[in-house]
Amino acid sequence: MQNETKQILNELRQIRIDIEFIRDSMPDKEMFLTASEEKLLEKSYNNEEKGKLTSNQDLRKELEI
């Protein structure tokens, strides 16, 4: 019985170590795009391919900043 208890405790320790590793290596949910952000990014890529983007300098001139 005591041997089984030691084995269970060892397994629990290993599970705790594994959970801590998973928690530490899990990406932050803020790293992922929402569905609307993903659509905006795809739209931006399409505009870039079609040459429809405005440069930072041109936008500043247009806004007179």
PDB file of N, CA and C in Angstrom:
ATOM      1  N   MET A   1       0.805  -1.197   0.000  1.00  0.00           N
ATOM      2  CA  MET A   1       0.000   0.000   0.000  1.00  0.00           C
ATOM      3  C   MET A   1       0.852   1.267   0.000  1.00  0.00           C
ATOM      4  N   GLN A   2       1.911   1.266   0.796  1.00  0.00           N
ATOM      5  CA  GLN A   2       2.781   2.426   0.868  1.00  0.00           C
ATOM      6  C   GLN A   2       3.506   2.640  -0.462  1.00  0.00           C
ATOM      7  N   ASN A   3       3.866   1.561  -1.129  1.00  0.00           N
ATOM      8  CA  ASN A   3       4.522   1.654  -2.429  1.00  0.00           C
ATOM      9  C   ASN A   3       3.578   2.287  -3.454  1.00  0.00           C
ATOM     10  N   GLU A   4       2.304   1.916  -3.414  1.00  0.00           N
ATOM     11  CA  GLU A   4       1.308   2.489  -4.327  1.00  0.00           C
ATOM     12  C   GLU A   4       1.128   3.979  -4.061  1.00  0.00           C
ATOM     13  N   THR A   5       1.137   4.367  -2.797  1.00  0.00           N
ATOM     14  CA  THR A   5       1.001   5.775  -2.430  1.00  0.00           C
ATOM     15  C   THR A   5       2.178   6.582  -2.968  1.00  0.00           C
ATOM     16  N   LYS A   6       3.387   6.053  -2.829  1.00  0.00           N
ATOM     17  CA  LYS A   6       4.571   6.729  -3.354  1.00  0.00           C
ATOM     18  C   LYS A   6       4.488   6.872  -4.868  1.00  0.00           C
ATOM     19  N   GLN A   7       4.017   5.838  -5.531  1.00  0.00           N
ATOM     20  CA  GLN A   7       3.890   5.873  -6.980  1.00  0.00           C
ATOM     21  C   GLN A   7       2.866   6.937  -7.398  1.00  0.00           C
ATOM     22  N   ILE A   8       1.754   6.992  -6.690  1.00  0.00           N
ATOM     23  CA  ILE A   8       0.723   7.991  -6.985  1.00  0.00           C
ATOM     24  C   ILE A   8       1.269   9.399  -6.760  1.00  0.00           C
ATOM     25  N   LEU A   9       1.985   9.607  -5.676  1.00  0.00           N
ATOM     26  CA  LEU A   9       2.570  10.921  -5.400  1.00  0.00           C
ATOM     27  C   LEU A   9       3.585  11.313  -6.471  1.00  0.00           C
ATOM     28  N   ASN A  10       4.389  10.364  -6.912  1.00  0.00           N
ATOM     29  CA  ASN A  10       5.351  10.645  -7.981  1.00  0.00           C
ATOM     30  C   ASN A  10       4.642  11.026  -9.280  1.00  0.00           C
ATOM     31  N   GLU A  11       3.570  10.320  -9.587  1.00  0.00           N
ATOM     32  CA  GLU A  11       2.812  10.640 -10.799  1.00  0.00           C
ATOM     33  C   GLU A  11       2.168  12.026 -10.690  1.00  0.00           C
ATOM     34  N   LEU A  12       1.660  12.356  -9.509  1.00  0.00           N
ATOM     35  CA  LEU A  12       1.074  13.679  -9.302  1.00  0.00           C
ATOM     36  C   LEU A  12       2.121  14.780  -9.445  1.00  0.00           C
ATOM     37  N   ARG A  13       3.319  14.543  -8.930  1.00  0.00           N
ATOM     38  CA  ARG A  13       4.404  15.520  -9.093  1.00  0.00           C
ATOM     39  C   ARG A  13       4.731  15.728 -10.567  1.00  0.00           C
ATOM     40  N   GLN A  14       4.793  14.625 -11.303  1.00  0.00           N
ATOM     41  CA  GLN A  14       5.102  14.730 -12.729  1.00  0.00           C
ATOM     42  C   GLN A  14       3.986  15.462 -13.476  1.00  0.00           C
ATOM     43  N   ILE A  15       2.761  15.198 -13.110  1.00  0.00           N
ATOM     44  CA  ILE A  15       1.630  15.901 -13.727  1.00  0.00           C
ATOM     45  C   ILE A  15       1.717  17.396 -13.432  1.00  0.00           C
ATOM     46  N   ARG A  16       2.065  17.742 -12.206  1.00  0.00           N
ATOM     47  CA  ARG A  16       2.217  19.154 -11.842  1.00  0.00           C
ATOM     48  C   ARG A  16       3.320  19.809 -12.675  1.00  0.00           C
ATOM     49  N   ILE A  17       4.431  19.126 -12.848  1.00  0.00           N
ATOM     50  CA  ILE A  17       5.530  19.653 -13.664  1.00  0.00           C
ATOM     51  C   ILE A  17       5.073  19.841 -15.108  1.00  0.00           C
ATOM     52  N   ASP A  18       4.351  18.850 -15.624  1.00  0.00           N
ATOM     53  CA  ASP A  18       3.861  18.940 -17.003  1.00  0.00           C
ATOM     54  C   ASP A  18       2.887  20.099 -17.175  1.00  0.00           C
ATOM     55  N   ILE A  19       2.000  20.288 -16.222  1.00  0.00           N
ATOM     56  CA  ILE A  19       1.028  21.385 -16.294  1.00  0.00           C
ATOM     57  C   ILE A  19       1.735  22.732 -16.246  1.00  0.00           C
ATOM     58  N   GLU A  20       2.721  22.868 -15.397  1.00  0.00           N
ATOM     59  CA  GLU A  20       3.482  24.118 -15.318  1.00  0.00           C
ATOM     60  C   GLU A  20       4.194  24.400 -16.639  1.00  0.00           C
ATOM     61  N   PHE A  21       4.761  23.364 -17.254  1.00  0.00           N
ATOM     62  CA  PHE A  21       5.430  23.542 -18.538  1.00  0.00           C
ATOM     63  C   PHE A  21       4.429  23.982 -19.606  1.00  0.00           C
ATOM     64  N   ILE A  22       3.275  23.328 -19.648  1.00  0.00           N
ATOM     65  CA  ILE A  22       2.246  23.687 -20.630  1.00  0.00           C
ATOM     66  C   ILE A  22       1.786  25.120 -20.410  1.00  0.00           C
ATOM     67  N   ARG A  23       1.550  25.496 -19.174  1.00  0.00           N
ATOM     68  CA  ARG A  23       1.105  26.856 -18.852  1.00  0.00           C
ATOM     69  C   ARG A  23       2.150  27.889 -19.285  1.00  0.00           C
ATOM     70  N   ASP A  24       3.415  27.597 -19.043  1.00  0.00           N
ATOM     71  CA  ASP A  24       4.484  28.536 -19.391  1.00  0.00           C
ATOM     72  C   ASP A  24       4.712  28.646 -20.895  1.00  0.00           C
ATOM     73  N   SER A  25       4.475  27.562 -21.620  1.00  0.00           N
ATOM     74  CA  SER A  25       4.759  27.583 -23.051  1.00  0.00           C
ATOM     75  C   SER A  25       3.525  27.857 -23.916  1.00  0.00           C
ATOM     76  N   MET A  26       2.375  27.975 -23.287  1.00  0.00           N
ATOM     77  CA  MET A  26       1.134  28.229 -24.025  1.00  0.00           C
ATOM     78  C   MET A  26       1.140  29.665 -24.550  1.00  0.00           C
ATOM     79  N   PRO A  27       0.815  29.846 -25.824  1.00  0.00           N
ATOM     80  CA  PRO A  27       0.787  31.220 -26.347  1.00  0.00           C
ATOM     81  C   PRO A  27      -0.344  32.022 -25.724  1.00  0.00           C
ATOM     82  N   ASP A  28      -0.096  33.303 -25.599  1.00  0.00           N
ATOM     83  CA  ASP A  28      -1.092  34.210 -25.043  1.00  0.00           C
ATOM     84  C   ASP A  28      -2.232  34.375 -26.040  1.00  0.00           C
ATOM     85  N   LYS A  29      -3.462  34.400 -25.568  1.00  0.00           N
ATOM     86  CA  LYS A  29      -4.605  34.500 -26.476  1.00  0.00           C
ATOM     87  C   LYS A  29      -4.601  35.809 -27.248  1.00  0.00           C
ATOM     88  N   GLU A  30      -3.893  36.821 -26.759  1.00  0.00           N
ATOM     89  CA  GLU A  30      -3.799  38.098 -27.459  1.00  0.00           C
ATOM     90  C   GLU A  30      -2.975  37.990 -28.746  1.00  0.00           C
ATOM     91  N   MET A  31      -2.236  36.898 -28.896  1.00  0.00           N
ATOM     92  CA  MET A  31      -1.408  36.712 -30.090  1.00  0.00           C
ATOM     93  C   MET A  31      -2.244  36.331 -31.309  1.00  0.00           C
ATOM     94  N   PHE A  32      -3.459  35.882 -31.102  1.00  0.00           N
ATOM     95  CA  PHE A  32      -4.286  35.387 -32.194  1.00  0.00           C
ATOM     96  C   PHE A  32      -5.243  36.466 -32.671  1.00  0.00           C
ATOM     97  N   LEU A  33      -5.522  36.444 -33.967  1.00  0.00           N
ATOM     98  CA  LEU A  33      -6.433  37.421 -34.554  1.00  0.00           C
ATOM     99  C   LEU A  33      -7.876  36.974 -34.372  1.00  0.00           C
ATOM    100  N   THR A  34      -8.747  37.965 -34.201  1.00  0.00           N
ATOM    101  CA  THR A  34     -10.174  37.671 -34.196  1.00  0.00           C
ATOM    102  C   THR A  34     -10.612  37.484 -35.649  1.00  0.00           C
ATOM    103  N   ALA A  35     -11.834  37.038 -35.859  1.00  0.00           N
ATOM    104  CA  ALA A  35     -12.339  36.834 -37.216  1.00  0.00           C
ATOM    105  C   ALA A  35     -12.358  38.156 -37.990  1.00  0.00           C
ATOM    106  N   SER A  36     -12.776  39.231 -37.345  1.00  0.00           N
ATOM    107  CA  SER A  36     -12.813  40.526 -38.041  1.00  0.00           C
ATOM    108  C   SER A  36     -11.409  41.040 -38.343  1.00  0.00           C
ATOM    109  N   GLU A  37     -10.464  40.826 -37.435  1.00  0.00           N
ATOM    110  CA  GLU A  37      -9.082  41.241 -37.686  1.00  0.00           C
ATOM    111  C   GLU A  37      -8.484  40.447 -38.837  1.00  0.00           C
ATOM    112  N   GLU A  38      -8.812  39.164 -38.902  1.00  0.00           N
ATOM    113  CA  GLU A  38      -8.317  38.326 -39.990  1.00  0.00           C
ATOM    114  C   GLU A  38      -8.849  38.804 -41.339  1.00  0.00           C
ATOM    115  N   LYS A  39     -10.127  39.201 -41.376  1.00  0.00           N
ATOM    116  CA  LYS A  39     -10.712  39.732 -42.623  1.00  0.00           C
ATOM    117  C   LYS A  39     -10.027  41.029 -43.035  1.00  0.00           C
ATOM    118  N   LEU A  40      -9.763  41.899 -42.055  1.00  0.00           N
ATOM    119  CA  LEU A  40      -9.078  43.157 -42.352  1.00  0.00           C
ATOM    120  C   LEU A  40      -7.667  42.918 -42.882  1.00  0.00           C
ATOM    121  N   LEU A  41      -6.982  41.964 -42.306  1.00  0.00           N
ATOM    122  CA  LEU A  41      -5.632  41.633 -42.762  1.00  0.00           C
ATOM    123  C   LEU A  41      -5.664  41.103 -44.194  1.00  0.00           C
ATOM    124  N   GLU A  42      -6.614  40.228 -44.487  1.00  0.00           N
ATOM    125  CA  GLU A  42      -6.750  39.688 -45.844  1.00  0.00           C
ATOM    126  C   GLU A  42      -7.079  40.808 -46.833  1.00  0.00           C
ATOM    127  N   LYS A  43      -7.930  41.718 -46.434  1.00  0.00           N
ATOM    128  CA  LYS A  43      -8.275  42.864 -47.294  1.00  0.00           C
ATOM    129  C   LYS A  43      -7.036  43.722 -47.549  1.00  0.00           C
ATOM    130  N   SER A  44      -6.233  43.908 -46.518  1.00  0.00           N
ATOM    131  CA  SER A  44      -5.002  44.684 -46.663  1.00  0.00           C
ATOM    132  C   SER A  44      -4.033  44.008 -47.630  1.00  0.00           C
ATOM    133  N   TYR A  45      -3.900  42.673 -47.518  1.00  0.00           N
ATOM    134  CA  TYR A  45      -3.039  41.947 -48.450  1.00  0.00           C
ATOM    135  C   TYR A  45      -3.530  42.111 -49.884  1.00  0.00           C
ATOM    136  N   ASN A  46      -4.838  42.018 -50.073  1.00  0.00           N
ATOM    137  CA  ASN A  46      -5.407  42.173 -51.418  1.00  0.00           C
ATOM    138  C   ASN A  46      -5.155  43.570 -51.956  1.00  0.00           C
ATOM    139  N   ASN A  47      -5.337  44.586 -51.130  1.00  0.00           N
ATOM    140  CA  ASN A  47      -5.075  45.964 -51.548  1.00  0.00           C
ATOM    141  C   ASN A  47      -3.606  46.173 -51.878  1.00  0.00           C
ATOM    142  N   GLU A  48      -2.737  45.528 -51.126  1.00  0.00           N
ATOM    143  CA  GLU A  48      -1.304  45.648 -51.394  1.00  0.00           C
ATOM    144  C   GLU A  48      -0.962  45.037 -52.747  1.00  0.00           C
ATOM    145  N   GLU A  49      -1.541  43.870 -53.040  1.00  0.00           N
ATOM    146  CA  GLU A  49      -1.293  43.220 -54.330  1.00  0.00           C
ATOM    147  C   GLU A  49      -1.795  44.074 -55.490  1.00  0.00           C
ATOM    148  N   LYS A  50      -2.897  44.776 -55.289  1.00  0.00           N
ATOM    149  CA  LYS A  50      -3.491  45.589 -56.357  1.00  0.00           C
ATOM    150  C   LYS A  50      -2.884  46.988 -56.412  1.00  0.00           C
ATOM    151  N   GLY A  51      -1.975  47.296 -55.492  1.00  0.00           N
ATOM    152  CA  GLY A  51      -1.335  48.607 -55.469  1.00  0.00           C
ATOM    153  C   GLY A  51      -2.262  49.705 -54.981  1.00  0.00           C
ATOM    154  N   LYS A  52      -3.225  49.378 -54.167  1.00  0.00           N
ATOM    155  CA  LYS A  52      -4.204  50.352 -53.692  1.00  0.00           C
ATOM    156  C   LYS A  52      -3.837  50.968 -52.340  1.00  0.00           C
ATOM    157  N   LEU A  53      -2.647  50.701 -51.845  1.00  0.00           N
ATOM    158  CA  LEU A  53      -2.261  51.242 -50.546  1.00  0.00           C
ATOM    159  C   LEU A  53      -1.694  52.645 -50.696  1.00  0.00           C
ATOM    160  N   THR A  54      -1.848  53.440 -49.662  1.00  0.00           N
ATOM    161  CA  THR A  54      -1.308  54.794 -49.627  1.00  0.00           C
ATOM    162  C   THR A  54      -0.110  54.791 -48.690  1.00  0.00           C
ATOM    163  N   SER A  55       0.969  55.384 -49.133  1.00  0.00           N
ATOM    164  CA  SER A  55       2.161  55.419 -48.286  1.00  0.00           C
ATOM    165  C   SER A  55       1.937  56.357 -47.105  1.00  0.00           C
ATOM    166  N   ASN A  56       2.745  56.199 -46.101  1.00  0.00           N
ATOM    167  CA  ASN A  56       2.678  57.030 -44.913  1.00  0.00           C
ATOM    168  C   ASN A  56       2.885  58.497 -45.279  1.00  0.00           C
ATOM    169  N   GLN A  57       3.859  58.761 -46.141  1.00  0.00           N
ATOM    170  CA  GLN A  57       4.156  60.133 -46.537  1.00  0.00           C
ATOM    171  C   GLN A  57       2.991  60.752 -47.311  1.00  0.00           C
ATOM    172  N   ASP A  58       2.414  59.986 -48.241  1.00  0.00           N
ATOM    173  CA  ASP A  58       1.275  60.498 -49.006  1.00  0.00           C
ATOM    174  C   ASP A  58       0.076  60.768 -48.106  1.00  0.00           C
ATOM    175  N   LEU A  59      -0.150  59.913 -47.140  1.00  0.00           N
ATOM    176  CA  LEU A  59      -1.273  60.100 -46.218  1.00  0.00           C
ATOM    177  C   LEU A  59      -1.057  61.354 -45.375  1.00  0.00           C
ATOM    178  N   ARG A  60       0.163  61.564 -44.922  1.00  0.00           N
ATOM    179  CA  ARG A  60       0.454  62.786 -44.138  1.00  0.00           C
ATOM    180  C   ARG A  60       0.221  64.040 -44.971  1.00  0.00           C
ATOM    181  N   LYS A  61       0.627  64.013 -46.245  1.00  0.00           N
ATOM    182  CA  LYS A  61       0.395  65.167 -47.126  1.00  0.00           C
ATOM    183  C   LYS A  61      -1.099  65.382 -47.322  1.00  0.00           C
ATOM    184  N   GLU A  62      -1.819  64.293 -47.525  1.00  0.00           N
ATOM    185  CA  GLU A  62      -3.266  64.392 -47.735  1.00  0.00           C
ATOM    186  C   GLU A  62      -3.976  64.947 -46.498  1.00  0.00           C
ATOM    187  N   LEU A  63      -3.526  64.547 -45.324  1.00  0.00           N
ATOM    188  CA  LEU A  63      -4.129  65.009 -44.082  1.00  0.00           C
ATOM    189  C   LEU A  63      -3.514  66.309 -43.593  1.00  0.00           C
ATOM    190  N   GLU A  64      -2.503  66.772 -44.289  1.00  0.00           N
ATOM    191  CA  GLU A  64      -1.773  68.006 -43.955  1.00  0.00           C
ATOM    192  C   GLU A  64      -1.244  67.978 -42.529  1.00  0.00           C
ATOM    193  N   ILE A  65      -0.552  66.891 -42.234  1.00  0.00           N
ATOM    194  CA  ILE A  65       0.055  66.747 -40.906  1.00  0.00           C
ATOM    195  C   ILE A  65       1.542  67.062 -41.017  1.00  0.00           C
TER     196      ILE A  65
END
